[in-house]
Structure formats: structure tokens, C-alpha cells
Amino acid sequence: MPRLADDGKNGEDGEEAVLQATRIILCLLAQRIGQLTEQIQDLDGRIRRAAGSRSATCRATASTLGRAYRSRERTEA
């Protein structure tokens, strides 16, 4: 992690220290945003896969129930 210089000077050197600190903070924030974006993408993929497999299971169950119902109707007729 970058360190902030504190040389105790004022004036132009103090302004340069503020600019350097600002750059460091913005860089750290950009890195954190990148990390959070990766985590969001990973979790989104997991949710989509889970929802997709659940959806496939529901469709298969509905199809099986539909066949059983139609078979029952034919048997009763």
C-alpha cells in the first residue's frame, strides 16, 4: 500500500503532497471498484446458473406432471 509523505512543509511542496495523496486515494478507490466489480460479476454468474438449473428442474417436473395427467385422462376415458 502506498504511503503518504509527511515532510511537514507548506506552500508548493504542501500542495504537491496533497496532489500525491489525492492520486494515491483515487488509485486505491479504482482498485477497490475493480475488485467489487469482479465480485459482482462472479455472484451474478452464480445466481444465473442457480436460477437456470432450478428453472430447468421446474420445467422437467412440469413436463412430467403434464404427461402423468394426460396419461391419467386417457386411462379414465
N, C-alpha and C. Protein backbone atom coordinates (compact mmCIF):
# COMPACT_ATOMS: atom_id res chain seq x y z
N MET A 1 0.85 -1.18 0.00
CA MET A 1 0.00 0.00 0.00
C MET A 1 0.89 1.23 0.00
N PRO A 2 0.62 2.17 -0.89
CA PRO A 2 1.44 3.38 -0.94
C PRO A 2 1.34 4.16 0.37
N ARG A 3 2.41 4.86 0.67
CA ARG A 3 2.43 5.66 1.90
C ARG A 3 2.36 7.13 1.54
N LEU A 4 1.74 7.88 2.39
CA LEU A 4 1.65 9.32 2.21
C LEU A 4 2.86 9.98 2.86
N ALA A 5 3.52 10.83 2.10
CA ALA A 5 4.68 11.54 2.63
C ALA A 5 4.22 12.69 3.52
N ASP A 6 4.88 12.84 4.68
CA ASP A 6 4.57 13.97 5.57
C ASP A 6 5.90 14.62 5.92
N ASP A 7 6.30 15.55 5.05
CA ASP A 7 7.57 16.20 5.31
C ASP A 7 7.41 17.50 6.08
N GLY A 8 6.18 17.84 6.44
CA GLY A 8 5.93 19.00 7.27
C GLY A 8 6.13 20.33 6.57
N LYS A 9 6.28 20.33 5.26
CA LYS A 9 6.48 21.58 4.53
C LYS A 9 5.15 22.18 4.11
N ASN A 10 5.14 23.46 3.92
CA ASN A 10 3.94 24.18 3.45
C ASN A 10 4.22 24.75 2.07
N GLY A 11 3.26 25.47 1.52
CA GLY A 11 3.44 26.11 0.24
C GLY A 11 3.32 25.13 -0.90
N GLU A 12 4.16 25.29 -1.93
CA GLU A 12 4.08 24.45 -3.11
C GLU A 12 4.34 22.98 -2.79
N ASP A 13 5.27 22.73 -1.89
CA ASP A 13 5.54 21.35 -1.50
C ASP A 13 4.33 20.73 -0.81
N GLY A 14 3.63 21.52 -0.02
CA GLY A 14 2.41 21.04 0.63
C GLY A 14 1.32 20.74 -0.38
N GLU A 15 1.21 21.60 -1.40
CA GLU A 15 0.23 21.35 -2.46
C GLU A 15 0.58 20.07 -3.23
N GLU A 16 1.86 19.86 -3.46
CA GLU A 16 2.30 18.64 -4.16
C GLU A 16 1.96 17.41 -3.32
N ALA A 17 2.12 17.50 -2.01
CA ALA A 17 1.78 16.38 -1.14
C ALA A 17 0.29 16.08 -1.20
N VAL A 18 -0.54 17.14 -1.26
CA VAL A 18 -1.99 16.96 -1.36
C VAL A 18 -2.33 16.28 -2.69
N LEU A 19 -1.69 16.74 -3.77
CA LEU A 19 -1.93 16.12 -5.08
C LEU A 19 -1.51 14.65 -5.09
N GLN A 20 -0.38 14.38 -4.48
CA GLN A 20 0.10 13.00 -4.41
C GLN A 20 -0.87 12.13 -3.58
N ALA A 21 -1.31 12.66 -2.47
CA ALA A 21 -2.26 11.92 -1.63
C ALA A 21 -3.56 11.68 -2.38
N THR A 22 -4.01 12.69 -3.13
CA THR A 22 -5.24 12.55 -3.91
C THR A 22 -5.08 11.47 -4.97
N ARG A 23 -3.95 11.46 -5.65
CA ARG A 23 -3.69 10.42 -6.66
C ARG A 23 -3.69 9.03 -6.03
N ILE A 24 -3.06 8.90 -4.90
CA ILE A 24 -2.99 7.61 -4.22
C ILE A 24 -4.38 7.13 -3.82
N ILE A 25 -5.15 8.02 -3.24
CA ILE A 25 -6.51 7.67 -2.80
C ILE A 25 -7.37 7.27 -4.00
N LEU A 26 -7.29 8.04 -5.09
CA LEU A 26 -8.06 7.70 -6.28
C LEU A 26 -7.64 6.35 -6.86
N CYS A 27 -6.34 6.08 -6.82
CA CYS A 27 -5.84 4.79 -7.30
C CYS A 27 -6.38 3.65 -6.44
N LEU A 28 -6.36 3.82 -5.14
CA LEU A 28 -6.88 2.79 -4.24
C LEU A 28 -8.38 2.59 -4.44
N LEU A 29 -9.11 3.68 -4.63
CA LEU A 29 -10.55 3.57 -4.88
C LEU A 29 -10.82 2.85 -6.19
N ALA A 30 -10.03 3.15 -7.22
CA ALA A 30 -10.20 2.47 -8.51
C ALA A 30 -9.93 0.97 -8.38
N GLN A 31 -8.92 0.61 -7.61
CA GLN A 31 -8.63 -0.81 -7.38
C GLN A 31 -9.79 -1.49 -6.67
N ARG A 32 -10.33 -0.83 -5.66
CA ARG A 32 -11.45 -1.41 -4.89
C ARG A 32 -12.69 -1.55 -5.76
N ILE A 33 -12.94 -0.56 -6.61
CA ILE A 33 -14.08 -0.65 -7.53
C ILE A 33 -13.89 -1.84 -8.46
N GLY A 34 -12.67 -2.04 -8.94
CA GLY A 34 -12.39 -3.20 -9.78
C GLY A 34 -12.65 -4.51 -9.06
N GLN A 35 -12.22 -4.59 -7.80
CA GLN A 35 -12.45 -5.81 -7.01
C GLN A 35 -13.94 -6.05 -6.81
N LEU A 36 -14.67 -5.00 -6.47
CA LEU A 36 -16.11 -5.15 -6.25
C LEU A 36 -16.83 -5.54 -7.54
N THR A 37 -16.39 -4.98 -8.67
CA THR A 37 -16.98 -5.34 -9.95
C THR A 37 -16.78 -6.82 -10.25
N GLU A 38 -15.58 -7.33 -10.00
CA GLU A 38 -15.31 -8.76 -10.19
C GLU A 38 -16.18 -9.61 -9.28
N GLN A 39 -16.34 -9.21 -8.03
CA GLN A 39 -17.17 -9.97 -7.10
C GLN A 39 -18.63 -9.96 -7.56
N ILE A 40 -19.11 -8.82 -8.03
CA ILE A 40 -20.49 -8.73 -8.51
C ILE A 40 -20.69 -9.64 -9.71
N GLN A 41 -19.75 -9.63 -10.64
CA GLN A 41 -19.85 -10.47 -11.83
C GLN A 41 -19.84 -11.96 -11.45
N ASP A 42 -18.99 -12.33 -10.49
CA ASP A 42 -18.93 -13.71 -10.04
C ASP A 42 -20.26 -14.14 -9.41
N LEU A 43 -20.78 -13.31 -8.52
CA LEU A 43 -22.04 -13.63 -7.85
C LEU A 43 -23.20 -13.65 -8.84
N ASP A 44 -23.20 -12.72 -9.79
CA ASP A 44 -24.25 -12.69 -10.80
C ASP A 44 -24.24 -13.98 -11.61
N GLY A 45 -23.05 -14.45 -11.98
CA GLY A 45 -22.95 -15.71 -12.70
C GLY A 45 -23.46 -16.88 -11.89
N ARG A 46 -23.12 -16.91 -10.61
CA ARG A 46 -23.61 -17.99 -9.74
C ARG A 46 -25.13 -17.97 -9.63
N ILE A 47 -25.69 -16.77 -9.49
CA ILE A 47 -27.15 -16.65 -9.39
C ILE A 47 -27.81 -17.12 -10.68
N ARG A 48 -27.26 -16.70 -11.82
CA ARG A 48 -27.83 -17.11 -13.11
C ARG A 48 -27.78 -18.62 -13.28
N ARG A 49 -26.64 -19.22 -12.91
CA ARG A 49 -26.53 -20.68 -13.02
C ARG A 49 -27.51 -21.39 -12.10
N ALA A 50 -27.64 -20.88 -10.88
CA ALA A 50 -28.58 -21.49 -9.93
C ALA A 50 -30.01 -21.34 -10.41
N ALA A 51 -30.34 -20.17 -10.90
CA ALA A 51 -31.70 -19.94 -11.39
C ALA A 51 -31.96 -20.78 -12.63
N GLY A 52 -30.95 -20.90 -13.49
CA GLY A 52 -31.10 -21.70 -14.71
C GLY A 52 -31.32 -23.17 -14.40
N SER A 53 -30.57 -23.72 -13.47
CA SER A 53 -30.73 -25.13 -13.13
C SER A 53 -32.06 -25.35 -12.43
N ARG A 54 -32.47 -24.41 -11.61
CA ARG A 54 -33.75 -24.52 -10.93
C ARG A 54 -34.88 -24.43 -11.94
N SER A 55 -34.72 -23.53 -12.91
CA SER A 55 -35.72 -23.36 -13.96
C SER A 55 -35.84 -24.64 -14.78
N ALA A 56 -34.70 -25.25 -15.10
CA ALA A 56 -34.71 -26.50 -15.86
C ALA A 56 -35.40 -27.60 -15.06
N THR A 57 -35.14 -27.64 -13.77
CA THR A 57 -35.78 -28.64 -12.90
C THR A 57 -37.29 -28.43 -12.87
N CYS A 58 -37.70 -27.17 -12.76
CA CYS A 58 -39.15 -26.87 -12.74
C CYS A 58 -39.80 -27.27 -14.06
N ARG A 59 -39.13 -26.96 -15.18
CA ARG A 59 -39.69 -27.33 -16.49
C ARG A 59 -39.80 -28.84 -16.61
N ALA A 60 -38.79 -29.57 -16.18
CA ALA A 60 -38.81 -31.03 -16.26
C ALA A 60 -39.92 -31.60 -15.38
N THR A 61 -40.09 -31.05 -14.20
CA THR A 61 -41.15 -31.50 -13.29
C THR A 61 -42.52 -31.22 -13.88
N ALA A 62 -42.70 -30.02 -14.43
CA ALA A 62 -43.98 -29.67 -15.05
C ALA A 62 -44.28 -30.59 -16.23
N SER A 63 -43.26 -30.88 -17.00
CA SER A 63 -43.45 -31.77 -18.15
C SER A 63 -43.86 -33.17 -17.69
N THR A 64 -43.20 -33.67 -16.66
CA THR A 64 -43.53 -35.00 -16.13
C THR A 64 -44.95 -35.02 -15.58
N LEU A 65 -45.32 -33.99 -14.84
CA LEU A 65 -46.68 -33.93 -14.30
C LEU A 65 -47.71 -33.84 -15.43
N GLY A 66 -47.39 -33.08 -16.47
CA GLY A 66 -48.29 -32.96 -17.61
C GLY A 66 -48.50 -34.31 -18.29
N ARG A 67 -47.42 -35.05 -18.48
CA ARG A 67 -47.54 -36.39 -19.09
C ARG A 67 -48.36 -37.33 -18.21
N ALA A 68 -48.11 -37.26 -16.91
CA ALA A 68 -48.87 -38.12 -15.99
C ALA A 68 -50.35 -37.77 -16.02
N TYR A 69 -50.68 -36.49 -16.07
CA TYR A 69 -52.08 -36.06 -16.11
C TYR A 69 -52.74 -36.52 -17.40
N ARG A 70 -52.06 -36.34 -18.52
CA ARG A 70 -52.63 -36.77 -19.81
C ARG A 70 -52.79 -38.28 -19.84
N SER A 71 -51.84 -38.99 -19.27
CA SER A 71 -51.94 -40.45 -19.22
C SER A 71 -53.15 -40.88 -18.38
N ARG A 72 -53.35 -40.19 -17.28
CA ARG A 72 -54.49 -40.48 -16.40
C ARG A 72 -55.80 -40.21 -17.13
N GLU A 73 -55.85 -39.11 -17.88
CA GLU A 73 -57.08 -38.78 -18.63
C GLU A 73 -57.39 -39.88 -19.65
N ARG A 74 -56.35 -40.38 -20.33
CA ARG A 74 -56.56 -41.42 -21.31
C ARG A 74 -57.03 -42.72 -20.64
N THR A 75 -56.50 -43.00 -19.48
CA THR A 75 -56.89 -44.21 -18.75
C THR A 75 -58.34 -44.14 -18.32
N GLU A 76 -58.76 -42.96 -17.86
CA GLU A 76 -60.14 -42.79 -17.39
C GLU A 76 -61.14 -42.79 -18.55
N ALA A 77 -60.70 -42.43 -19.73
CA ALA A 77 -61.61 -42.33 -20.88
C ALA A 77 -61.94 -43.65 -21.47
